[in-house]
Structures are given as C-alpha cells and as structure tokens.
Full PDB file with SEQRES, HELIX, SHEET, SSBOND, CRYST1, ORIGX, SCALE, CONECT and MASTER records, all heavy atoms in Angstrom:
SEQRES   1 A   43  GLY LYS THR ALA GLU GLU ILE ALA GLU CYS LEU LYS LYS          
SEQRES   2 A   43  THR PRO LEU ASP PRO ARG ILE ALA ALA ALA ILE LYS SER          
SEQRES   3 A   43  ALA TYR GLU LEU GLY CYS ASP LEU ARG ILE VAL SER ASP          
SEQRES   4 A   43  ALA ASN GLN PHE                                              
HELIX    1 AA1 ALA A    4  LEU A   11  1                                   8    
HELIX    2 AA2 PRO A   18  GLU A   29  1                                  12    
CRYST1    1.000    1.000    1.000  90.00  90.00  90.00 P 1           1          
ORIGX1      1.000000  0.000000  0.000000        0.00000                         
ORIGX2      0.000000  1.000000  0.000000        0.00000                         
ORIGX3      0.000000  0.000000  1.000000        0.00000                         
SCALE1      1.000000  0.000000  0.000000        0.00000                         
SCALE2      0.000000  1.000000  0.000000        0.00000                         
SCALE3      0.000000  0.000000  1.000000        0.00000                         
ATOM      1  N   GLY A   1     -14.727  13.421 -16.642  1.00  0.00           N  
ATOM      2  CA  GLY A   1     -13.382  13.902 -16.992  1.00  0.00           C  
ATOM      3  C   GLY A   1     -12.304  13.734 -16.018  1.00  0.00           C  
ATOM      4  O   GLY A   1     -11.285  14.254 -16.195  1.00  0.00           O  
ATOM      5  N   LYS A   2     -12.569  12.839 -15.045  1.00  0.00           N  
ATOM      6  CA  LYS A   2     -11.508  12.550 -13.957  1.00  0.00           C  
ATOM      7  C   LYS A   2     -10.556  11.606 -14.655  1.00  0.00           C  
ATOM      8  O   LYS A   2     -10.993  10.598 -15.124  1.00  0.00           O  
ATOM      9  CB  LYS A   2     -12.165  11.979 -12.739  1.00  0.00           C  
ATOM     10  CG  LYS A   2     -13.071  12.992 -12.074  1.00  0.00           C  
ATOM     11  CD  LYS A   2     -12.384  14.190 -11.500  1.00  0.00           C  
ATOM     12  CE  LYS A   2     -13.404  15.209 -10.880  1.00  0.00           C  
ATOM     13  NZ  LYS A   2     -14.179  14.562  -9.731  1.00  0.00           N  
ATOM     14  N   THR A   3      -9.175  11.835 -14.309  1.00  0.00           N  
ATOM     15  CA  THR A   3      -8.207  10.918 -14.977  1.00  0.00           C  
ATOM     16  C   THR A   3      -7.675   9.924 -13.922  1.00  0.00           C  
ATOM     17  O   THR A   3      -7.948   9.910 -12.695  1.00  0.00           O  
ATOM     18  CB  THR A   3      -7.045  11.748 -15.416  1.00  0.00           C  
ATOM     19  OG1 THR A   3      -6.383  12.235 -14.272  1.00  0.00           O  
ATOM     20  CG2 THR A   3      -7.509  12.777 -16.471  1.00  0.00           C  
ATOM     21  N   ALA A   4      -6.987   8.915 -14.501  1.00  0.00           N  
ATOM     22  CA  ALA A   4      -6.412   7.826 -13.596  1.00  0.00           C  
ATOM     23  C   ALA A   4      -5.359   8.521 -12.633  1.00  0.00           C  
ATOM     24  O   ALA A   4      -5.209   8.100 -11.530  1.00  0.00           O  
ATOM     25  CB  ALA A   4      -5.708   6.788 -14.394  1.00  0.00           C  
ATOM     26  N   GLU A   5      -4.788   9.594 -13.199  1.00  0.00           N  
ATOM     27  CA  GLU A   5      -3.836  10.252 -12.337  1.00  0.00           C  
ATOM     28  C   GLU A   5      -4.487  10.913 -11.115  1.00  0.00           C  
ATOM     29  O   GLU A   5      -3.968  10.980 -10.049  1.00  0.00           O  
ATOM     30  CB  GLU A   5      -3.063  11.286 -13.107  1.00  0.00           C  
ATOM     31  CG  GLU A   5      -2.086  10.676 -14.200  1.00  0.00           C  
ATOM     32  CD  GLU A   5      -2.744  10.130 -15.277  1.00  0.00           C  
ATOM     33  OE1 GLU A   5      -3.877  10.347 -15.517  1.00  0.00           O  
ATOM     34  OE2 GLU A   5      -2.005   9.299 -15.985  1.00  0.00           O  
ATOM     35  N   GLU A   6      -5.675  11.484 -11.359  1.00  0.00           N  
ATOM     36  CA  GLU A   6      -6.499  12.190 -10.330  1.00  0.00           C  
ATOM     37  C   GLU A   6      -6.877  10.993  -9.262  1.00  0.00           C  
ATOM     38  O   GLU A   6      -6.932  11.373  -7.993  1.00  0.00           O  
ATOM     39  CB  GLU A   6      -7.543  12.847 -10.890  1.00  0.00           C  
ATOM     40  CG  GLU A   6      -7.336  14.209 -11.599  1.00  0.00           C  
ATOM     41  CD  GLU A   6      -8.512  14.829 -12.219  1.00  0.00           C  
ATOM     42  OE1 GLU A   6      -8.889  14.402 -13.401  1.00  0.00           O  
ATOM     43  OE2 GLU A   6      -8.913  15.811 -11.643  1.00  0.00           O  
ATOM     44  N   ILE A   7      -7.213   9.858  -9.666  1.00  0.00           N  
ATOM     45  CA  ILE A   7      -7.564   8.782  -8.770  1.00  0.00           C  
ATOM     46  C   ILE A   7      -6.346   8.414  -8.091  1.00  0.00           C  
ATOM     47  O   ILE A   7      -6.548   8.173  -6.707  1.00  0.00           O  
ATOM     48  CB  ILE A   7      -8.186   7.561  -9.583  1.00  0.00           C  
ATOM     49  CG1 ILE A   7      -9.334   8.024 -10.421  1.00  0.00           C  
ATOM     50  CG2 ILE A   7      -8.441   6.404  -8.666  1.00  0.00           C  
ATOM     51  CD1 ILE A   7      -9.866   6.981 -11.333  1.00  0.00           C  
ATOM     52  N   ALA A   8      -5.302   8.338  -8.555  1.00  0.00           N  
ATOM     53  CA  ALA A   8      -3.933   7.974  -7.865  1.00  0.00           C  
ATOM     54  C   ALA A   8      -3.685   9.032  -6.775  1.00  0.00           C  
ATOM     55  O   ALA A   8      -3.225   8.595  -5.735  1.00  0.00           O  
ATOM     56  CB  ALA A   8      -2.751   7.884  -8.922  1.00  0.00           C  
ATOM     57  N   GLU A   9      -3.943  10.361  -7.093  1.00  0.00           N  
ATOM     58  CA  GLU A   9      -3.660  11.357  -6.163  1.00  0.00           C  
ATOM     59  C   GLU A   9      -4.594  11.294  -4.987  1.00  0.00           C  
ATOM     60  O   GLU A   9      -4.141  11.428  -3.829  1.00  0.00           O  
ATOM     61  CB  GLU A   9      -3.874  12.719  -6.813  1.00  0.00           C  
ATOM     62  CG  GLU A   9      -2.668  13.224  -7.644  1.00  0.00           C  
ATOM     63  CD  GLU A   9      -1.381  13.209  -6.951  1.00  0.00           C  
ATOM     64  OE1 GLU A   9      -1.433  13.842  -5.883  1.00  0.00           O  
ATOM     65  OE2 GLU A   9      -0.378  12.742  -7.368  1.00  0.00           O  
ATOM     66  N   CYS A  10      -5.848  10.859  -5.194  1.00  0.00           N  
ATOM     67  CA  CYS A  10      -6.796  10.653  -4.179  1.00  0.00           C  
ATOM     68  C   CYS A  10      -6.390   9.468  -3.235  1.00  0.00           C  
ATOM     69  O   CYS A  10      -6.468   9.562  -1.974  1.00  0.00           O  
ATOM     70  CB  CYS A  10      -8.187  10.323  -4.697  1.00  0.00           C  
ATOM     71  SG  CYS A  10      -9.427   9.815  -3.525  1.00  0.00           S  
ATOM     72  N   LEU A  11      -5.807   8.386  -3.816  1.00  0.00           N  
ATOM     73  CA  LEU A  11      -5.345   7.314  -3.126  1.00  0.00           C  
ATOM     74  C   LEU A  11      -4.214   7.538  -2.253  1.00  0.00           C  
ATOM     75  O   LEU A  11      -4.085   6.876  -1.164  1.00  0.00           O  
ATOM     76  CB  LEU A  11      -4.984   6.140  -4.136  1.00  0.00           C  
ATOM     77  CG  LEU A  11      -6.154   5.483  -4.769  1.00  0.00           C  
ATOM     78  CD1 LEU A  11      -5.717   4.709  -5.882  1.00  0.00           C  
ATOM     79  CD2 LEU A  11      -6.963   4.622  -3.741  1.00  0.00           C  
ATOM     80  N   LYS A  12      -3.483   8.522  -2.505  1.00  0.00           N  
ATOM     81  CA  LYS A  12      -2.244   8.949  -1.645  1.00  0.00           C  
ATOM     82  C   LYS A  12      -2.712   9.433  -0.381  1.00  0.00           C  
ATOM     83  O   LYS A  12      -1.808   9.248   0.718  1.00  0.00           O  
ATOM     84  CB  LYS A  12      -1.320  10.014  -2.269  1.00  0.00           C  
ATOM     85  CG  LYS A  12      -0.691   9.563  -3.613  1.00  0.00           C  
ATOM     86  CD  LYS A  12       0.110  10.608  -4.209  1.00  0.00           C  
ATOM     87  CE  LYS A  12       0.821  10.203  -5.445  1.00  0.00           C  
ATOM     88  NZ  LYS A  12       1.570  11.345  -6.088  1.00  0.00           N  
ATOM     89  N   LYS A  13      -3.945   9.817  -0.059  1.00  0.00           N  
ATOM     90  CA  LYS A  13      -4.493  10.255   1.148  1.00  0.00           C  
ATOM     91  C   LYS A  13      -5.112   9.259   2.097  1.00  0.00           C  
ATOM     92  O   LYS A  13      -5.462   9.456   3.160  1.00  0.00           O  
ATOM     93  CB  LYS A  13      -5.414  11.458   0.920  1.00  0.00           C  
ATOM     94  CG  LYS A  13      -4.926  12.507   0.054  1.00  0.00           C  
ATOM     95  CD  LYS A  13      -6.019  13.573  -0.213  1.00  0.00           C  
ATOM     96  CE  LYS A  13      -5.577  14.703  -1.151  1.00  0.00           C  
ATOM     97  NZ  LYS A  13      -6.745  15.438  -1.662  1.00  0.00           N  
ATOM     98  N   THR A  14      -5.098   7.947   1.461  1.00  0.00           N  
ATOM     99  CA  THR A  14      -5.641   6.762   2.194  1.00  0.00           C  
ATOM    100  C   THR A  14      -4.808   6.607   3.513  1.00  0.00           C  
ATOM    101  O   THR A  14      -3.609   6.500   3.435  1.00  0.00           O  
ATOM    102  CB  THR A  14      -5.614   5.604   1.441  1.00  0.00           C  
ATOM    103  OG1 THR A  14      -6.242   5.812   0.047  1.00  0.00           O  
ATOM    104  CG2 THR A  14      -6.383   4.496   2.091  1.00  0.00           C  
ATOM    105  N   PRO A  15      -5.507   6.499   4.682  1.00  0.00           N  
ATOM    106  CA  PRO A  15      -4.736   6.336   5.889  1.00  0.00           C  
ATOM    107  C   PRO A  15      -4.006   5.026   6.084  1.00  0.00           C  
ATOM    108  O   PRO A  15      -4.604   4.035   5.762  1.00  0.00           O  
ATOM    109  CB  PRO A  15      -5.721   6.463   7.033  1.00  0.00           C  
ATOM    110  CG  PRO A  15      -7.018   6.176   6.351  1.00  0.00           C  
ATOM    111  CD  PRO A  15      -6.905   6.543   4.907  1.00  0.00           C  
ATOM    112  N   LEU A  16      -2.764   5.078   6.432  1.00  0.00           N  
ATOM    113  CA  LEU A  16      -1.922   3.844   6.577  1.00  0.00           C  
ATOM    114  C   LEU A  16      -1.014   4.087   7.897  1.00  0.00           C  
ATOM    115  O   LEU A  16      -0.241   5.102   7.929  1.00  0.00           O  
ATOM    116  CB  LEU A  16      -1.012   3.515   5.446  1.00  0.00           C  
ATOM    117  CG  LEU A  16      -0.234   2.199   5.387  1.00  0.00           C  
ATOM    118  CD1 LEU A  16      -0.040   1.873   3.939  1.00  0.00           C  
ATOM    119  CD2 LEU A  16       0.948   2.198   6.315  1.00  0.00           C  
ATOM    120  N   ASP A  17      -1.280   3.217   8.886  1.00  0.00           N  
ATOM    121  CA  ASP A  17      -0.687   3.469  10.196  1.00  0.00           C  
ATOM    122  C   ASP A  17       0.774   3.435   9.989  1.00  0.00           C  
ATOM    123  O   ASP A  17       1.372   2.316   9.441  1.00  0.00           O  
ATOM    124  CB  ASP A  17      -1.135   2.398  11.178  1.00  0.00           C  
ATOM    125  CG  ASP A  17      -0.712   2.603  12.618  1.00  0.00           C  
ATOM    126  OD1 ASP A  17       0.435   2.863  12.815  1.00  0.00           O  
ATOM    127  OD2 ASP A  17      -1.622   2.578  13.451  1.00  0.00           O  
ATOM    128  N   PRO A  18       1.667   4.274  10.426  1.00  0.00           N  
ATOM    129  CA  PRO A  18       3.162   4.185  10.253  1.00  0.00           C  
ATOM    130  C   PRO A  18       3.757   3.031  10.973  1.00  0.00           C  
ATOM    131  O   PRO A  18       4.745   2.583  10.592  1.00  0.00           O  
ATOM    132  CB  PRO A  18       3.611   5.495  10.960  1.00  0.00           C  
ATOM    133  CG  PRO A  18       2.490   6.026  11.725  1.00  0.00           C  
ATOM    134  CD  PRO A  18       1.217   5.544  11.079  1.00  0.00           C  
ATOM    135  N   ARG A  19       3.107   2.452  11.999  1.00  0.00           N  
ATOM    136  CA  ARG A  19       3.554   1.278  12.712  1.00  0.00           C  
ATOM    137  C   ARG A  19       3.366   0.015  11.841  1.00  0.00           C  
ATOM    138  O   ARG A  19       4.228  -0.895  11.816  1.00  0.00           O  
ATOM    139  CB  ARG A  19       2.772   1.055  14.140  1.00  0.00           C  
ATOM    140  CG  ARG A  19       3.135   2.103  15.021  1.00  0.00           C  
ATOM    141  CD  ARG A  19       4.549   2.328  15.394  1.00  0.00           C  
ATOM    142  NE  ARG A  19       4.935   1.237  16.231  1.00  0.00           N  
ATOM    143  CZ  ARG A  19       5.031   1.001  17.520  1.00  0.00           C  
ATOM    144  NH1 ARG A  19       4.503   2.058  18.249  1.00  0.00           N  
ATOM    145  NH2 ARG A  19       5.455   0.075  18.113  1.00  0.00           N  
ATOM    146  N   ILE A  20       2.477   0.084  11.012  1.00  0.00           N  
ATOM    147  CA  ILE A  20       2.170  -1.039  10.095  1.00  0.00           C  
ATOM    148  C   ILE A  20       3.259  -0.992   8.947  1.00  0.00           C  
ATOM    149  O   ILE A  20       3.895  -2.004   8.531  1.00  0.00           O  
ATOM    150  CB  ILE A  20       0.716  -1.089   9.578  1.00  0.00           C  
ATOM    151  CG1 ILE A  20      -0.194  -1.417  10.693  1.00  0.00           C  
ATOM    152  CG2 ILE A  20       0.532  -2.092   8.372  1.00  0.00           C  
ATOM    153  CD1 ILE A  20      -1.653  -1.579  10.237  1.00  0.00           C  
ATOM    154  N   ALA A  21       3.365   0.128   8.487  1.00  0.00           N  
ATOM    155  CA  ALA A  21       4.600   0.421   7.421  1.00  0.00           C  
ATOM    156  C   ALA A  21       5.829   0.029   7.933  1.00  0.00           C  
ATOM    157  O   ALA A  21       6.563  -0.630   7.197  1.00  0.00           O  
ATOM    158  CB  ALA A  21       4.529   1.821   7.078  1.00  0.00           C  
ATOM    159  N   ALA A  22       6.109   0.325   9.262  1.00  0.00           N  
ATOM    160  CA  ALA A  22       7.358  -0.212   9.884  1.00  0.00           C  
ATOM    161  C   ALA A  22       7.356  -1.622   9.982  1.00  0.00           C  
ATOM    162  O   ALA A  22       8.575  -2.214   9.712  1.00  0.00           O  
ATOM    163  CB  ALA A  22       7.628   0.546  11.197  1.00  0.00           C  
ATOM    164  N   ALA A  23       6.357  -2.246  10.384  1.00  0.00           N  
ATOM    165  CA  ALA A  23       6.403  -3.735  10.342  1.00  0.00           C  
ATOM    166  C   ALA A  23       6.680  -4.439   9.098  1.00  0.00           C  
ATOM    167  O   ALA A  23       7.389  -5.352   9.014  1.00  0.00           O  
ATOM    168  CB  ALA A  23       4.937  -4.178  11.049  1.00  0.00           C  
ATOM    169  N   ILE A  24       6.030  -3.936   8.097  1.00  0.00           N  
ATOM    170  CA  ILE A  24       6.204  -4.433   6.750  1.00  0.00           C  
ATOM    171  C   ILE A  24       7.704  -4.267   6.386  1.00  0.00           C  
ATOM    172  O   ILE A  24       8.364  -5.203   5.895  1.00  0.00           O  
ATOM    173  CB  ILE A  24       5.314  -3.648   5.646  1.00  0.00           C  
ATOM    174  CG1 ILE A  24       3.879  -4.026   5.969  1.00  0.00           C  
ATOM    175  CG2 ILE A  24       5.769  -4.051   4.295  1.00  0.00           C  
ATOM    176  CD1 ILE A  24       2.829  -3.152   5.252  1.00  0.00           C  
ATOM    177  N   LYS A  25       8.308  -3.088   6.649  1.00  0.00           N  
ATOM    178  CA  LYS A  25       9.750  -2.948   6.270  1.00  0.00           C  
ATOM    179  C   LYS A  25      10.652  -3.790   7.045  1.00  0.00           C  
ATOM    180  O   LYS A  25      11.613  -4.438   6.561  1.00  0.00           O  
ATOM    181  CB  LYS A  25      10.029  -1.393   6.384  1.00  0.00           C  
ATOM    182  CG  LYS A  25       9.376  -0.571   5.304  1.00  0.00           C  
ATOM    183  CD  LYS A  25       9.787   0.868   5.374  1.00  0.00           C  
ATOM    184  CE  LYS A  25       8.995   1.777   4.461  1.00  0.00           C  
ATOM    185  NZ  LYS A  25       9.384   3.182   4.675  1.00  0.00           N  
ATOM    186  N   SER A  26      10.368  -4.013   8.250  1.00  0.00           N  
ATOM    187  CA  SER A  26      11.096  -4.868   9.090  1.00  0.00           C  
ATOM    188  C   SER A  26      11.019  -6.315   8.701  1.00  0.00           C  
ATOM    189  O   SER A  26      12.096  -7.032   8.574  1.00  0.00           O  
ATOM    190  CB  SER A  26      10.627  -4.659  10.580  1.00  0.00           C  
ATOM    191  OG  SER A  26      10.945  -3.436  11.082  1.00  0.00           O  
ATOM    192  N   ALA A  27       9.847  -6.803   8.452  1.00  0.00           N  
ATOM    193  CA  ALA A  27       9.764  -8.119   8.036  1.00  0.00           C  
ATOM    194  C   ALA A  27      10.447  -8.389   6.675  1.00  0.00           C  
ATOM    195  O   ALA A  27      11.053  -9.447   6.425  1.00  0.00           O  
ATOM    196  CB  ALA A  27       8.234  -8.527   7.838  1.00  0.00           C  
ATOM    197  N   TYR A  28      10.390  -7.449   5.845  1.00  0.00           N  
ATOM    198  CA  TYR A  28      11.027  -7.494   4.548  1.00  0.00           C  
ATOM    199  C   TYR A  28      12.538  -7.621   4.725  1.00  0.00           C  
ATOM    200  O   TYR A  28      13.240  -8.491   4.166  1.00  0.00           O  
ATOM    201  CB  TYR A  28      10.631  -6.400   3.599  1.00  0.00           C  
ATOM    202  CG  TYR A  28      11.492  -6.302   2.305  1.00  0.00           C  
ATOM    203  CD1 TYR A  28      11.239  -7.304   1.312  1.00  0.00           C  
ATOM    204  CD2 TYR A  28      12.491  -5.358   2.111  1.00  0.00           C  
ATOM    205  CE1 TYR A  28      11.864  -7.090   0.139  1.00  0.00           C  
ATOM    206  CE2 TYR A  28      13.197  -5.226   1.105  1.00  0.00           C  
ATOM    207  CZ  TYR A  28      12.822  -6.153  -0.133  1.00  0.00           C  
ATOM    208  OH  TYR A  28      13.619  -6.139  -1.220  1.00  0.00           O  
ATOM    209  N   GLU A  29      13.099  -6.739   5.667  1.00  0.00           N  
ATOM    210  CA  GLU A  29      14.424  -6.642   5.852  1.00  0.00           C  
ATOM    211  C   GLU A  29      14.918  -7.985   6.537  1.00  0.00           C  
ATOM    212  O   GLU A  29      16.178  -8.291   6.446  1.00  0.00           O  
ATOM    213  CB  GLU A  29      14.857  -5.361   6.675  1.00  0.00           C  
ATOM    214  CG  GLU A  29      14.638  -4.082   5.881  1.00  0.00           C  
ATOM    215  CD  GLU A  29      14.731  -2.904   6.897  1.00  0.00           C  
ATOM    216  OE1 GLU A  29      14.787  -2.986   8.128  1.00  0.00           O  
ATOM    217  OE2 GLU A  29      14.496  -1.706   6.324  1.00  0.00           O  
ATOM    218  N   LEU A  30      14.149  -8.617   7.352  1.00  0.00           N  
ATOM    219  CA  LEU A  30      14.519  -9.790   7.981  1.00  0.00           C  
ATOM    220  C   LEU A  30      14.394 -11.024   6.936  1.00  0.00           C  
ATOM    221  O   LEU A  30      14.827 -12.170   7.330  1.00  0.00           O  
ATOM    222  CB  LEU A  30      13.469 -10.096   9.160  1.00  0.00           C  
ATOM    223  CG  LEU A  30      13.664  -9.160  10.446  1.00  0.00           C  
ATOM    224  CD1 LEU A  30      12.463  -9.406  11.268  1.00  0.00           C  
ATOM    225  CD2 LEU A  30      14.942  -9.529  11.120  1.00  0.00           C  
ATOM    226  N   GLY A  31      13.938 -10.771   5.738  1.00  0.00           N  
ATOM    227  CA  GLY A  31      14.073 -11.846   4.744  1.00  0.00           C  
ATOM    228  C   GLY A  31      12.624 -12.687   4.525  1.00  0.00           C  
ATOM    229  O   GLY A  31      12.797 -13.572   3.887  1.00  0.00           O  
ATOM    230  N   CYS A  32      11.723 -12.177   5.114  1.00  0.00           N  
ATOM    231  CA  CYS A  32      10.408 -12.899   4.932  1.00  0.00           C  
ATOM    232  C   CYS A  32       9.879 -12.589   3.554  1.00  0.00           C  
ATOM    233  O   CYS A  32      10.194 -11.593   2.938  1.00  0.00           O  
ATOM    234  CB  CYS A  32       9.359 -12.263   5.930  1.00  0.00           C  
ATOM    235  SG  CYS A  32       9.717 -12.662   7.692  1.00  0.00           S  
ATOM    236  N   ASP A  33       9.097 -13.521   3.095  1.00  0.00           N  
ATOM    237  CA  ASP A  33       8.535 -13.422   1.679  1.00  0.00           C  
ATOM    238  C   ASP A  33       7.104 -12.891   1.983  1.00  0.00           C  
ATOM    239  O   ASP A  33       6.187 -13.465   2.631  1.00  0.00           O  
ATOM    240  CB  ASP A  33       8.261 -14.848   1.123  1.00  0.00           C  
ATOM    241  CG  ASP A  33       7.662 -14.840  -0.272  1.00  0.00           C  
ATOM    242  OD1 ASP A  33       7.198 -13.732  -0.711  1.00  0.00           O  
ATOM    243  OD2 ASP A  33       7.387 -15.924  -0.926  1.00  0.00           O  
ATOM    244  N   LEU A  34       6.847 -11.572   1.562  1.00  0.00           N  
ATOM    245  CA  LEU A  34       5.606 -10.848   1.838  1.00  0.00           C  
ATOM    246  C   LEU A  34       4.767 -10.917   0.599  1.00  0.00           C  
ATOM    247  O   LEU A  34       5.167 -10.608  -0.482  1.00  0.00           O  
ATOM    248  CB  LEU A  34       5.982  -9.436   2.219  1.00  0.00           C  
ATOM    249  CG  LEU A  34       6.791  -9.151   3.377  1.00  0.00           C  
ATOM    250  CD1 LEU A  34       6.980  -7.761   3.705  1.00  0.00           C  
ATOM    251  CD2 LEU A  34       6.465 -10.094   4.665  1.00  0.00           C  
ATOM    252  N   ARG A  35       3.436 -11.241   0.859  1.00  0.00           N  
ATOM    253  CA  ARG A  35       2.415 -11.275  -0.178  1.00  0.00           C  
ATOM    254  C   ARG A  35       1.223 -10.526   0.289  1.00  0.00           C  
ATOM    255  O   ARG A  35       0.919 -10.220   1.393  1.00  0.00           O  
ATOM    256  CB  ARG A  35       2.052 -12.637  -0.515  1.00  0.00           C  
ATOM    257  CG  ARG A  35       3.022 -13.758  -0.538  1.00  0.00           C  
ATOM    258  CD  ARG A  35       3.790 -13.765  -1.925  1.00  0.00           C  
ATOM    259  NE  ARG A  35       4.701 -14.917  -2.076  1.00  0.00           N  
ATOM    260  CZ  ARG A  35       4.552 -16.000  -2.843  1.00  0.00           C  
ATOM    261  NH1 ARG A  35       3.435 -16.161  -3.452  1.00  0.00           N  
ATOM    262  NH2 ARG A  35       5.613 -16.936  -2.925  1.00  0.00           N  
ATOM    263  N   ILE A  36       0.415 -10.128  -0.739  1.00  0.00           N  
ATOM    264  CA  ILE A  36      -0.847  -9.475  -0.490  1.00  0.00           C  
ATOM    265  C   ILE A  36      -1.983 -10.433  -1.201  1.00  0.00           C  
ATOM    266  O   ILE A  36      -1.843 -10.718  -2.446  1.00  0.00           O  
ATOM    267  CB  ILE A  36      -0.976  -8.031  -0.959  1.00  0.00           C  
ATOM    268  CG1 ILE A  36      -0.101  -7.125  -0.054  1.00  0.00           C  
ATOM    269  CG2 ILE A  36      -2.418  -7.503  -1.011  1.00  0.00           C  
ATOM    270  CD1 ILE A  36      -0.066  -5.659  -0.558  1.00  0.00           C  
ATOM    271  N   VAL A  37      -3.083 -10.543  -0.429  1.00  0.00           N  
ATOM    272  CA  VAL A  37      -4.193 -11.300  -1.081  1.00  0.00           C  
ATOM    273  C   VAL A  37      -5.401 -10.444  -0.716  1.00  0.00           C  
ATOM    274  O   VAL A  37      -5.842 -10.294   0.436  1.00  0.00           O  
ATOM    275  CB  VAL A  37      -4.447 -12.684  -0.522  1.00  0.00           C  
ATOM    276  CG1 VAL A  37      -5.603 -13.410  -1.284  1.00  0.00           C  
ATOM    277  CG2 VAL A  37      -3.166 -13.593  -0.856  1.00  0.00           C  
ATOM    278  N   SER A  38      -5.973  -9.818  -1.609  1.00  0.00           N  
ATOM    279  CA  SER A  38      -7.025  -8.742  -1.476  1.00  0.00           C  
ATOM    280  C   SER A  38      -8.053  -8.672  -2.514  1.00  0.00           C  
ATOM    281  O   SER A  38      -7.915  -8.865  -3.568  1.00  0.00           O  
ATOM    282  CB  SER A  38      -6.323  -7.302  -1.412  1.00  0.00           C  
ATOM    283  OG  SER A  38      -7.218  -6.198  -1.382  1.00  0.00           O  
ATOM    284  N   ASP A  39      -9.203  -8.310  -2.000  1.00  0.00           N  
ATOM    285  CA  ASP A  39     -10.369  -8.052  -2.928  1.00  0.00           C  
ATOM    286  C   ASP A  39     -10.572  -6.597  -3.298  1.00  0.00           C  
ATOM    287  O   ASP A  39     -11.571  -6.223  -3.738  1.00  0.00           O  
ATOM    288  CB  ASP A  39     -11.688  -8.646  -2.318  1.00  0.00           C  
ATOM    289  CG  ASP A  39     -12.797  -8.877  -3.276  1.00  0.00           C  
ATOM    290  OD1 ASP A  39     -12.576  -8.840  -4.439  1.00  0.00           O  
ATOM    291  OD2 ASP A  39     -13.956  -9.227  -2.811  1.00  0.00           O  
ATOM    292  N   ALA A  40      -9.551  -5.913  -3.116  1.00  0.00           N  
ATOM    293  CA  ALA A  40      -9.395  -4.379  -3.540  1.00  0.00           C  
ATOM    294  C   ALA A  40      -9.090  -4.590  -5.120  1.00  0.00           C  
ATOM    295  O   ALA A  40      -9.736  -5.309  -5.797  1.00  0.00           O  
ATOM    296  CB  ALA A  40      -8.465  -3.655  -2.872  1.00  0.00           C  
ATOM    297  N   ASN A  41      -8.141  -3.844  -5.619  1.00  0.00           N  
ATOM    298  CA  ASN A  41      -7.755  -3.975  -6.964  1.00  0.00           C  
ATOM    299  C   ASN A  41      -6.398  -3.529  -7.194  1.00  0.00           C  
ATOM    300  O   ASN A  41      -5.795  -2.888  -6.289  1.00  0.00           O  
ATOM    301  CB  ASN A  41      -8.615  -3.230  -7.938  1.00  0.00           C  
ATOM    302  CG  ASN A  41      -8.655  -1.759  -7.831  1.00  0.00           C  
ATOM    303  OD1 ASN A  41      -7.612  -1.066  -8.194  1.00  0.00           O  
ATOM    304  ND2 ASN A  41      -9.670  -1.166  -7.192  1.00  0.00           N  
ATOM    305  N   GLN A  42      -5.709  -3.907  -8.297  1.00  0.00           N  
ATOM    306  CA  GLN A  42      -4.317  -3.712  -8.607  1.00  0.00           C  
ATOM    307  C   GLN A  42      -3.890  -2.286  -8.415  1.00  0.00           C  
ATOM    308  O   GLN A  42      -2.825  -1.882  -7.960  1.00  0.00           O  
ATOM    309  CB  GLN A  42      -3.871  -4.389  -9.928  1.00  0.00           C  
ATOM    310  CG  GLN A  42      -2.549  -4.234 -10.330  1.00  0.00           C  
ATOM    311  CD  GLN A  42      -2.272  -4.628 -11.829  1.00  0.00           C  
ATOM    312  OE1 GLN A  42      -3.274  -5.146 -12.410  1.00  0.00           O  
ATOM    313  NE2 GLN A  42      -1.164  -4.398 -12.304  1.00  0.00           N  
ATOM    314  N   PHE A  43      -4.712  -1.390  -9.184  1.00  0.00           N  
ATOM    315  CA  PHE A  43      -4.302  -0.013  -9.231  1.00  0.00           C  
ATOM    316  C   PHE A  43      -4.296   0.604  -7.963  1.00  0.00           C  
ATOM    317  O   PHE A  43      -3.334   1.203  -7.589  1.00  0.00           O  
ATOM    318  CB  PHE A  43      -5.294   0.695 -10.229  1.00  0.00           C  
ATOM    319  CG  PHE A  43      -5.021   2.153 -10.541  1.00  0.00           C  
ATOM    320  CD1 PHE A  43      -4.224   2.521 -11.534  1.00  0.00           C  
ATOM    321  CD2 PHE A  43      -5.481   3.114  -9.666  1.00  0.00           C  
ATOM    322  CE1 PHE A  43      -3.950   3.830 -11.931  1.00  0.00           C  
ATOM    323  CE2 PHE A  43      -5.322   4.419  -9.918  1.00  0.00           C  
ATOM    324  CZ  PHE A  43      -4.511   4.827 -11.032  1.00  0.00           C  
TER     325      PHE A  43                                                      
MASTER        0    0    0    2    0    0    0    6  324    1    0    4          
END                                                                             
C-alpha cells in the first residue's frame, strides 16, 4: 500500500553534501553543461 509519493518523501532524506550542491550550482552558473550518467533510476 505504499505510494510513489511516499517513496519520494523517503528520498528527500537521502544525504547530499552541501558543498557538492554548491559546486553543482557554481558550475551551472559558470555556464558548464552538466549531465548525469547513473545506474540508479529516473524517479
């Protein structure tokens, strides 16, 4: 009975280093083309 919305809520707690988030935003603001290639999944 678990919904996709509940899975999404669980994913919000996944750890992401704020320095990596800052690096991504800086690289984007500098005009780099950023891509992800991953064996995780789209959702």
